[in-house]
Amino acid sequence: MYKNNRRGRLSPRELAEQINARHSFHAGAAPDPDKAAIGLDTFTRKLPPKRDKVVRPVDGRPVVPLEKDVLADALQALREDPRVAICDRRQSGVFQEGERYIRVGQRGHLDVSGMLHGGRYFEIEAKRPGEKPDERQRERIAHIQRAGGISGYFTSAAEALALLP
């Protein structure tokens, strides 16, 4: 019955989906199939649309995908590509634990690093459509390219694959 095998709490959307599934199951077993007669609509919560289905109210254009979504799609595509031998996500940033601030990774390092079959190194950066790398990232891209590696930035999984030879 539960599709979620991860530890921790369910998201509000997952909880609402489970509740709706239970209500639908019990409504189907009821002698009167008319849902309005048993008051099922008062218990079933209407789920909001997922983020990729949301449309901006001002001009009706779709919402630009988040960088984490672009990165997840690209990582999956790179790991499935036969040219890629190794593909890893690089974490960087600062987080707080109690009173301490902890830095992870180095500034300017790009989001994805890896190696092609044959030994050629690559490091690429994920960006939302319309955004560009910052100064440190541009310097890192140029440094890797001068050294003979493959480097650049992408705004979709197709662009990430296009960076590879």
N, C-alpha and C. Protein backbone atom coordinates (compact mmCIF):
# COMPACT_ATOMS: atom_id res chain seq x y z
N MET A 1 0.82 -1.19 0.00
CA MET A 1 0.00 0.00 0.00
C MET A 1 0.86 1.25 0.00
N TYR A 2 1.95 1.23 0.76
CA TYR A 2 2.80 2.41 0.83
C TYR A 2 3.89 2.30 -0.22
N LYS A 3 3.95 3.30 -1.10
CA LYS A 3 4.97 3.30 -2.13
C LYS A 3 6.27 3.91 -1.64
N ASN A 4 6.22 4.56 -0.49
CA ASN A 4 7.36 5.28 0.02
C ASN A 4 8.13 4.40 1.00
N ASN A 5 9.35 4.04 0.66
CA ASN A 5 10.16 3.19 1.53
C ASN A 5 11.25 3.96 2.24
N ARG A 6 11.26 5.29 2.10
CA ARG A 6 12.32 6.05 2.74
C ARG A 6 11.99 6.30 4.20
N ARG A 7 13.03 6.63 4.95
CA ARG A 7 12.85 6.90 6.37
C ARG A 7 12.39 8.33 6.56
N GLY A 8 11.81 8.61 7.70
CA GLY A 8 11.39 9.97 8.01
C GLY A 8 9.93 10.21 7.69
N ARG A 9 9.53 11.47 7.77
CA ARG A 9 8.15 11.84 7.56
C ARG A 9 7.80 11.86 6.08
N LEU A 10 6.52 11.69 5.81
CA LEU A 10 6.02 11.82 4.46
C LEU A 10 5.84 13.30 4.15
N SER A 11 6.00 13.66 2.90
CA SER A 11 5.73 15.03 2.50
C SER A 11 4.22 15.25 2.55
N PRO A 12 3.77 16.49 2.62
CA PRO A 12 2.32 16.74 2.63
C PRO A 12 1.62 16.16 1.39
N ARG A 13 2.29 16.21 0.25
CA ARG A 13 1.69 15.67 -0.97
C ARG A 13 1.54 14.15 -0.87
N GLU A 14 2.59 13.45 -0.37
CA GLU A 14 2.52 11.99 -0.23
C GLU A 14 1.43 11.59 0.77
N LEU A 15 1.31 12.35 1.85
CA LEU A 15 0.29 12.07 2.85
C LEU A 15 -1.11 12.25 2.25
N ALA A 16 -1.31 13.32 1.50
CA ALA A 16 -2.61 13.56 0.87
C ALA A 16 -2.93 12.48 -0.16
N GLU A 17 -1.92 12.02 -0.91
CA GLU A 17 -2.15 10.95 -1.88
C GLU A 17 -2.57 9.65 -1.18
N GLN A 18 -1.96 9.34 -0.05
CA GLN A 18 -2.34 8.14 0.69
C GLN A 18 -3.75 8.25 1.26
N ILE A 19 -4.08 9.42 1.78
CA ILE A 19 -5.43 9.62 2.32
C ILE A 19 -6.46 9.50 1.20
N ASN A 20 -6.18 10.11 0.05
CA ASN A 20 -7.10 10.03 -1.08
C ASN A 20 -7.25 8.59 -1.56
N ALA A 21 -6.18 7.81 -1.56
CA ALA A 21 -6.25 6.42 -1.99
C ALA A 21 -7.12 5.62 -1.02
N ARG A 22 -6.98 5.85 0.28
CA ARG A 22 -7.80 5.16 1.27
C ARG A 22 -9.28 5.50 1.11
N HIS A 23 -9.56 6.78 0.91
CA HIS A 23 -10.96 7.20 0.75
C HIS A 23 -11.56 6.59 -0.51
N SER A 24 -10.81 6.56 -1.60
CA SER A 24 -11.31 5.95 -2.83
C SER A 24 -11.57 4.47 -2.64
N PHE A 25 -10.69 3.79 -1.92
CA PHE A 25 -10.86 2.37 -1.66
C PHE A 25 -12.15 2.11 -0.87
N HIS A 26 -12.35 2.87 0.20
CA HIS A 26 -13.53 2.67 1.04
C HIS A 26 -14.81 3.09 0.31
N ALA A 27 -14.71 4.11 -0.53
CA ALA A 27 -15.89 4.54 -1.30
C ALA A 27 -16.30 3.45 -2.28
N GLY A 28 -15.33 2.75 -2.85
CA GLY A 28 -15.64 1.67 -3.77
C GLY A 28 -16.29 0.49 -3.08
N ALA A 29 -16.01 0.27 -1.81
CA ALA A 29 -16.59 -0.84 -1.07
C ALA A 29 -17.94 -0.50 -0.47
N ALA A 30 -18.31 0.79 -0.49
CA ALA A 30 -19.59 1.21 0.09
C ALA A 30 -20.75 0.72 -0.78
N PRO A 31 -21.90 0.45 -0.17
CA PRO A 31 -23.04 -0.01 -0.96
C PRO A 31 -23.55 1.04 -1.94
N ASP A 32 -23.43 2.32 -1.60
CA ASP A 32 -23.88 3.38 -2.51
C ASP A 32 -22.66 3.96 -3.20
N PRO A 33 -22.49 3.75 -4.51
CA PRO A 33 -21.28 4.25 -5.18
C PRO A 33 -21.26 5.74 -5.38
N ASP A 34 -22.36 6.43 -5.11
CA ASP A 34 -22.38 7.88 -5.30
C ASP A 34 -21.56 8.54 -4.18
N LYS A 35 -20.41 9.10 -4.55
CA LYS A 35 -19.50 9.66 -3.55
C LYS A 35 -20.12 10.84 -2.81
N ALA A 36 -20.93 11.62 -3.50
CA ALA A 36 -21.54 12.77 -2.85
C ALA A 36 -22.49 12.33 -1.73
N ALA A 37 -23.14 11.16 -1.91
CA ALA A 37 -24.10 10.69 -0.91
C ALA A 37 -23.41 10.28 0.39
N ILE A 38 -22.16 9.78 0.29
CA ILE A 38 -21.47 9.37 1.52
C ILE A 38 -20.56 10.45 2.06
N GLY A 39 -20.50 11.60 1.39
CA GLY A 39 -19.72 12.73 1.89
C GLY A 39 -18.23 12.58 1.70
N LEU A 40 -17.79 11.82 0.70
CA LEU A 40 -16.37 11.60 0.48
C LEU A 40 -15.66 12.89 0.08
N ASP A 41 -16.35 13.75 -0.66
CA ASP A 41 -15.72 14.98 -1.13
C ASP A 41 -15.32 15.90 0.01
N THR A 42 -15.98 15.78 1.14
CA THR A 42 -15.62 16.63 2.26
C THR A 42 -14.31 16.19 2.90
N PHE A 43 -13.91 14.91 2.70
CA PHE A 43 -12.68 14.40 3.31
C PHE A 43 -11.50 14.40 2.34
N THR A 44 -11.75 14.25 1.06
CA THR A 44 -10.68 14.15 0.08
C THR A 44 -10.13 15.54 -0.20
N ARG A 45 -8.83 15.70 -0.01
CA ARG A 45 -8.20 16.99 -0.24
C ARG A 45 -7.80 17.12 -1.70
N LYS A 46 -8.05 18.26 -2.28
CA LYS A 46 -7.64 18.54 -3.65
C LYS A 46 -6.14 18.80 -3.63
N LEU A 47 -5.37 18.05 -4.43
CA LEU A 47 -3.93 18.21 -4.46
C LEU A 47 -3.55 19.36 -5.37
N PRO A 48 -2.60 20.19 -4.93
CA PRO A 48 -2.14 21.27 -5.81
C PRO A 48 -1.32 20.67 -6.95
N PRO A 49 -1.22 21.37 -8.07
CA PRO A 49 -0.42 20.84 -9.17
C PRO A 49 1.05 20.82 -8.79
N LYS A 50 1.80 19.90 -9.41
CA LYS A 50 3.24 19.86 -9.16
C LYS A 50 3.89 21.09 -9.76
N ARG A 51 5.12 21.37 -9.33
CA ARG A 51 5.78 22.62 -9.71
C ARG A 51 5.92 22.79 -11.22
N ASP A 52 6.21 21.71 -11.95
CA ASP A 52 6.42 21.85 -13.38
C ASP A 52 5.11 22.13 -14.12
N LYS A 53 3.97 21.96 -13.46
CA LYS A 53 2.68 22.24 -14.09
C LYS A 53 2.18 23.65 -13.76
N VAL A 54 2.83 24.33 -12.82
CA VAL A 54 2.38 25.65 -12.41
C VAL A 54 2.68 26.65 -13.51
N VAL A 55 1.74 27.54 -13.77
CA VAL A 55 1.91 28.58 -14.77
C VAL A 55 1.91 29.92 -14.06
N ARG A 56 2.81 30.80 -14.48
CA ARG A 56 2.87 32.11 -13.85
C ARG A 56 1.60 32.88 -14.16
N PRO A 57 1.03 33.55 -13.16
CA PRO A 57 -0.24 34.22 -13.38
C PRO A 57 -0.14 35.47 -14.25
N VAL A 58 1.03 36.10 -14.34
CA VAL A 58 1.14 37.38 -15.03
C VAL A 58 1.07 37.20 -16.54
N ASP A 59 1.94 36.36 -17.09
CA ASP A 59 2.00 36.24 -18.55
C ASP A 59 1.67 34.85 -19.06
N GLY A 60 1.39 33.88 -18.18
CA GLY A 60 1.00 32.55 -18.61
C GLY A 60 2.12 31.66 -19.08
N ARG A 61 3.36 32.14 -19.04
CA ARG A 61 4.49 31.31 -19.46
C ARG A 61 4.84 30.32 -18.36
N PRO A 62 5.42 29.16 -18.71
CA PRO A 62 5.75 28.19 -17.67
C PRO A 62 6.87 28.68 -16.76
N VAL A 63 6.89 28.15 -15.56
CA VAL A 63 7.90 28.51 -14.57
C VAL A 63 9.24 27.93 -15.00
N VAL A 64 10.32 28.68 -14.81
CA VAL A 64 11.67 28.21 -15.15
C VAL A 64 12.05 27.13 -14.15
N PRO A 65 12.60 25.98 -14.61
CA PRO A 65 12.95 24.91 -13.67
C PRO A 65 14.05 25.34 -12.71
N LEU A 66 14.03 24.77 -11.53
CA LEU A 66 15.07 25.05 -10.53
C LEU A 66 16.38 24.38 -10.94
N GLU A 67 17.49 24.91 -10.41
CA GLU A 67 18.80 24.35 -10.74
C GLU A 67 18.90 22.90 -10.27
N LYS A 68 18.31 22.57 -9.13
CA LYS A 68 18.39 21.20 -8.64
C LYS A 68 17.69 20.23 -9.59
N ASP A 69 16.62 20.67 -10.24
CA ASP A 69 15.92 19.81 -11.21
C ASP A 69 16.75 19.63 -12.47
N VAL A 70 17.37 20.71 -12.95
CA VAL A 70 18.26 20.64 -14.12
C VAL A 70 19.42 19.70 -13.82
N LEU A 71 20.01 19.83 -12.63
CA LEU A 71 21.14 19.00 -12.23
C LEU A 71 20.76 17.53 -12.12
N ALA A 72 19.62 17.23 -11.53
CA ALA A 72 19.19 15.84 -11.38
C ALA A 72 18.97 15.18 -12.74
N ASP A 73 18.33 15.89 -13.67
CA ASP A 73 18.11 15.34 -15.01
C ASP A 73 19.43 15.09 -15.73
N ALA A 74 20.36 16.04 -15.60
CA ALA A 74 21.65 15.91 -16.28
C ALA A 74 22.47 14.76 -15.69
N LEU A 75 22.47 14.62 -14.37
CA LEU A 75 23.21 13.52 -13.75
C LEU A 75 22.69 12.16 -14.22
N GLN A 76 21.39 12.03 -14.30
CA GLN A 76 20.81 10.77 -14.76
C GLN A 76 21.22 10.50 -16.22
N ALA A 77 21.15 11.53 -17.05
CA ALA A 77 21.53 11.36 -18.46
C ALA A 77 23.02 11.04 -18.61
N LEU A 78 23.87 11.69 -17.82
CA LEU A 78 25.31 11.44 -17.90
C LEU A 78 25.65 10.03 -17.43
N ARG A 79 25.00 9.57 -16.37
CA ARG A 79 25.29 8.23 -15.85
C ARG A 79 24.84 7.14 -16.82
N GLU A 80 23.86 7.43 -17.65
CA GLU A 80 23.38 6.46 -18.63
C GLU A 80 24.13 6.55 -19.95
N ASP A 81 24.91 7.61 -20.16
CA ASP A 81 25.63 7.80 -21.42
C ASP A 81 26.79 6.81 -21.52
N PRO A 82 26.95 6.11 -22.64
CA PRO A 82 28.03 5.12 -22.75
C PRO A 82 29.43 5.73 -22.83
N ARG A 83 29.55 7.01 -23.12
CA ARG A 83 30.88 7.65 -23.18
C ARG A 83 31.45 7.92 -21.79
N VAL A 84 30.59 7.98 -20.77
CA VAL A 84 31.00 8.40 -19.43
C VAL A 84 31.38 7.18 -18.59
N ALA A 85 32.61 7.21 -18.03
CA ALA A 85 33.07 6.14 -17.15
C ALA A 85 32.70 6.44 -15.70
N ILE A 86 32.92 7.68 -15.26
CA ILE A 86 32.65 8.09 -13.89
C ILE A 86 31.94 9.44 -13.94
N CYS A 87 30.94 9.60 -13.09
CA CYS A 87 30.21 10.87 -13.01
C CYS A 87 29.78 11.08 -11.57
N ASP A 88 30.24 12.15 -10.94
CA ASP A 88 29.94 12.41 -9.53
C ASP A 88 29.42 13.82 -9.33
N ARG A 89 28.56 13.99 -8.34
CA ARG A 89 28.05 15.29 -7.94
C ARG A 89 28.98 15.86 -6.90
N ARG A 90 29.38 17.10 -7.07
CA ARG A 90 30.24 17.78 -6.09
C ARG A 90 29.39 18.71 -5.25
N GLN A 91 29.49 18.56 -3.96
CA GLN A 91 28.78 19.44 -3.04
C GLN A 91 29.71 20.55 -2.59
N SER A 92 29.17 21.75 -2.46
CA SER A 92 29.94 22.85 -1.89
C SER A 92 28.98 23.83 -1.25
N GLY A 93 29.46 24.52 -0.24
CA GLY A 93 28.63 25.50 0.44
C GLY A 93 28.91 25.52 1.93
N VAL A 94 28.06 26.22 2.66
CA VAL A 94 28.22 26.39 4.09
C VAL A 94 26.91 25.98 4.76
N PHE A 95 27.02 25.23 5.86
CA PHE A 95 25.84 24.93 6.65
C PHE A 95 26.18 25.13 8.11
N GLN A 96 25.14 25.30 8.92
CA GLN A 96 25.32 25.58 10.34
C GLN A 96 24.90 24.37 11.15
N GLU A 97 25.77 24.00 12.09
CA GLU A 97 25.46 22.93 13.03
C GLU A 97 25.64 23.50 14.43
N GLY A 98 24.53 23.80 15.09
CA GLY A 98 24.60 24.46 16.39
C GLY A 98 25.15 25.86 16.22
N GLU A 99 26.25 26.15 16.91
CA GLU A 99 26.89 27.46 16.82
C GLU A 99 27.98 27.51 15.75
N ARG A 100 28.32 26.34 15.18
CA ARG A 100 29.44 26.27 14.23
C ARG A 100 28.94 26.40 12.79
N TYR A 101 29.75 27.04 11.96
CA TYR A 101 29.51 27.08 10.52
C TYR A 101 30.54 26.17 9.87
N ILE A 102 30.09 25.30 9.00
CA ILE A 102 30.97 24.32 8.38
C ILE A 102 30.95 24.51 6.87
N ARG A 103 32.14 24.65 6.26
CA ARG A 103 32.26 24.78 4.82
C ARG A 103 32.54 23.41 4.23
N VAL A 104 31.80 23.09 3.15
CA VAL A 104 31.97 21.83 2.45
C VAL A 104 32.43 22.15 1.03
N GLY A 105 33.46 21.48 0.56
CA GLY A 105 33.95 21.72 -0.79
C GLY A 105 34.72 23.02 -0.89
N GLN A 106 35.03 23.41 -2.11
CA GLN A 106 35.78 24.64 -2.36
C GLN A 106 34.96 25.55 -3.25
N ARG A 107 35.11 26.85 -3.03
CA ARG A 107 34.40 27.82 -3.85
C ARG A 107 34.88 27.74 -5.29
N GLY A 108 33.93 27.86 -6.20
CA GLY A 108 34.27 27.87 -7.61
C GLY A 108 34.26 26.50 -8.27
N HIS A 109 34.29 25.42 -7.48
CA HIS A 109 34.24 24.09 -8.09
C HIS A 109 32.86 23.89 -8.72
N LEU A 110 32.86 23.19 -9.81
CA LEU A 110 31.62 23.01 -10.57
C LEU A 110 30.81 21.84 -10.03
N ASP A 111 29.54 21.75 -10.43
CA ASP A 111 28.59 20.80 -9.84
C ASP A 111 28.88 19.33 -10.16
N VAL A 112 29.33 19.04 -11.37
CA VAL A 112 29.51 17.65 -11.81
C VAL A 112 30.95 17.46 -12.27
N SER A 113 31.58 16.40 -11.80
CA SER A 113 32.91 16.06 -12.28
C SER A 113 32.90 14.60 -12.70
N GLY A 114 33.79 14.26 -13.59
CA GLY A 114 33.81 12.88 -14.04
C GLY A 114 34.92 12.61 -15.03
N MET A 115 34.87 11.41 -15.60
CA MET A 115 35.89 10.99 -16.55
C MET A 115 35.21 10.18 -17.65
N LEU A 116 35.66 10.42 -18.88
CA LEU A 116 35.17 9.66 -20.01
C LEU A 116 35.98 8.39 -20.16
N HIS A 117 35.44 7.41 -20.88
CA HIS A 117 36.23 6.23 -21.22
C HIS A 117 37.39 6.72 -22.07
N GLY A 118 38.59 6.35 -21.73
CA GLY A 118 39.77 6.86 -22.40
C GLY A 118 40.55 7.81 -21.49
N GLY A 119 39.93 8.23 -20.37
CA GLY A 119 40.66 8.99 -19.37
C GLY A 119 40.52 10.49 -19.42
N ARG A 120 39.70 11.06 -20.29
CA ARG A 120 39.59 12.52 -20.36
C ARG A 120 38.68 13.03 -19.24
N TYR A 121 39.17 14.04 -18.52
CA TYR A 121 38.49 14.60 -17.36
C TYR A 121 37.47 15.65 -17.80
N PHE A 122 36.32 15.71 -17.09
CA PHE A 122 35.38 16.79 -17.34
C PHE A 122 34.80 17.29 -16.03
N GLU A 123 34.43 18.56 -16.05
CA GLU A 123 33.79 19.21 -14.91
C GLU A 123 32.82 20.23 -15.50
N ILE A 124 31.54 20.11 -15.15
CA ILE A 124 30.53 20.99 -15.73
C ILE A 124 29.62 21.56 -14.64
N GLU A 125 29.02 22.70 -14.93
CA GLU A 125 28.21 23.44 -13.97
C GLU A 125 26.76 23.50 -14.43
N ALA A 126 25.82 23.25 -13.52
CA ALA A 126 24.39 23.35 -13.81
C ALA A 126 23.91 24.76 -13.50
N LYS A 127 23.07 25.29 -14.36
CA LYS A 127 22.46 26.61 -14.16
C LYS A 127 21.01 26.57 -14.60
N ARG A 128 20.20 27.41 -13.98
CA ARG A 128 18.83 27.59 -14.45
C ARG A 128 18.87 28.27 -15.81
N PRO A 129 17.88 28.02 -16.66
CA PRO A 129 17.84 28.71 -17.95
C PRO A 129 17.86 30.22 -17.75
N GLY A 130 18.76 30.87 -18.48
CA GLY A 130 18.91 32.32 -18.39
C GLY A 130 19.99 32.78 -17.44
N GLU A 131 20.55 31.89 -16.64
CA GLU A 131 21.62 32.27 -15.71
C GLU A 131 22.98 31.90 -16.27
N LYS A 132 24.02 32.57 -15.76
CA LYS A 132 25.40 32.34 -16.19
C LYS A 132 26.26 32.00 -14.97
N PRO A 133 27.41 31.35 -15.17
CA PRO A 133 28.32 31.07 -14.05
C PRO A 133 28.89 32.35 -13.45
N ASP A 134 29.22 32.31 -12.16
CA ASP A 134 29.84 33.47 -11.53
C ASP A 134 31.33 33.53 -11.90
N GLU A 135 32.03 34.53 -11.40
CA GLU A 135 33.43 34.77 -11.79
C GLU A 135 34.33 33.60 -11.44
N ARG A 136 34.22 33.05 -10.24
CA ARG A 136 35.06 31.91 -9.86
C ARG A 136 34.81 30.70 -10.76
N GLN A 137 33.55 30.47 -11.08
CA GLN A 137 33.20 29.34 -11.93
C GLN A 137 33.72 29.54 -13.36
N ARG A 138 33.65 30.76 -13.86
CA ARG A 138 34.20 31.04 -15.21
C ARG A 138 35.71 30.82 -15.23
N GLU A 139 36.40 31.22 -14.15
CA GLU A 139 37.84 30.99 -14.07
C GLU A 139 38.14 29.49 -14.03
N ARG A 140 37.36 28.75 -13.30
CA ARG A 140 37.56 27.29 -13.21
C ARG A 140 37.32 26.63 -14.56
N ILE A 141 36.28 27.04 -15.28
CA ILE A 141 35.99 26.49 -16.60
C ILE A 141 37.16 26.76 -17.55
N ALA A 142 37.66 27.99 -17.55
CA ALA A 142 38.78 28.34 -18.42
C ALA A 142 40.04 27.55 -18.06
N HIS A 143 40.31 27.38 -16.76
CA HIS A 143 41.49 26.65 -16.30
C HIS A 143 41.45 25.19 -16.77
N ILE A 144 40.30 24.55 -16.63
CA ILE A 144 40.16 23.15 -17.04
C ILE A 144 40.31 23.01 -18.55
N GLN A 145 39.74 23.93 -19.30
CA GLN A 145 39.85 23.88 -20.76
C GLN A 145 41.30 24.08 -21.21
N ARG A 146 42.03 25.00 -20.56
CA ARG A 146 43.45 25.22 -20.90
C ARG A 146 44.28 23.97 -20.61
N ALA A 147 43.91 23.22 -19.58
CA ALA A 147 44.66 22.03 -19.21
C ALA A 147 44.30 20.81 -20.05
N GLY A 148 43.34 20.95 -20.97
CA GLY A 148 42.98 19.84 -21.85
C GLY A 148 41.74 19.07 -21.44
N GLY A 149 41.07 19.51 -20.38
CA GLY A 149 39.85 18.85 -19.94
C GLY A 149 38.63 19.43 -20.64
N ILE A 150 37.49 18.87 -20.33
CA ILE A 150 36.23 19.34 -20.89
C ILE A 150 35.50 20.09 -19.78
N SER A 151 35.03 21.29 -20.08
CA SER A 151 34.36 22.08 -19.07
C SER A 151 33.39 23.05 -19.72
N GLY A 152 32.38 23.45 -18.97
CA GLY A 152 31.38 24.39 -19.44
C GLY A 152 30.21 24.40 -18.49
N TYR A 153 29.11 25.02 -18.93
CA TYR A 153 27.90 25.01 -18.11
C TYR A 153 26.72 24.62 -18.98
N PHE A 154 25.65 24.17 -18.33
CA PHE A 154 24.48 23.70 -19.06
C PHE A 154 23.21 24.13 -18.35
N THR A 155 22.11 24.21 -19.12
CA THR A 155 20.81 24.55 -18.56
C THR A 155 19.79 23.44 -18.79
N SER A 156 20.24 22.33 -19.39
CA SER A 156 19.36 21.17 -19.58
C SER A 156 20.23 19.92 -19.74
N ALA A 157 19.60 18.76 -19.64
CA ALA A 157 20.35 17.51 -19.78
C ALA A 157 20.92 17.38 -21.19
N ALA A 158 20.19 17.85 -22.19
CA ALA A 158 20.68 17.77 -23.57
C ALA A 158 21.93 18.62 -23.75
N GLU A 159 21.96 19.81 -23.14
CA GLU A 159 23.15 20.64 -23.22
C GLU A 159 24.34 20.01 -22.50
N ALA A 160 24.08 19.33 -21.39
CA ALA A 160 25.16 18.66 -20.66
C ALA A 160 25.79 17.58 -21.52
N LEU A 161 24.96 16.79 -22.21
CA LEU A 161 25.49 15.74 -23.10
C LEU A 161 26.20 16.34 -24.30
N ALA A 162 25.75 17.50 -24.76
CA ALA A 162 26.37 18.15 -25.92
C ALA A 162 27.76 18.67 -25.60
N LEU A 163 28.07 18.91 -24.32
CA LEU A 163 29.41 19.36 -23.94
C LEU A 163 30.46 18.29 -24.11
N LEU A 164 30.05 17.02 -24.07
CA LEU A 164 30.99 15.91 -24.18
C LEU A 164 31.27 15.59 -25.65
N PRO A 165 32.52 15.21 -25.98
CA PRO A 165 32.84 14.88 -27.38
C PRO A 165 32.27 13.52 -27.79
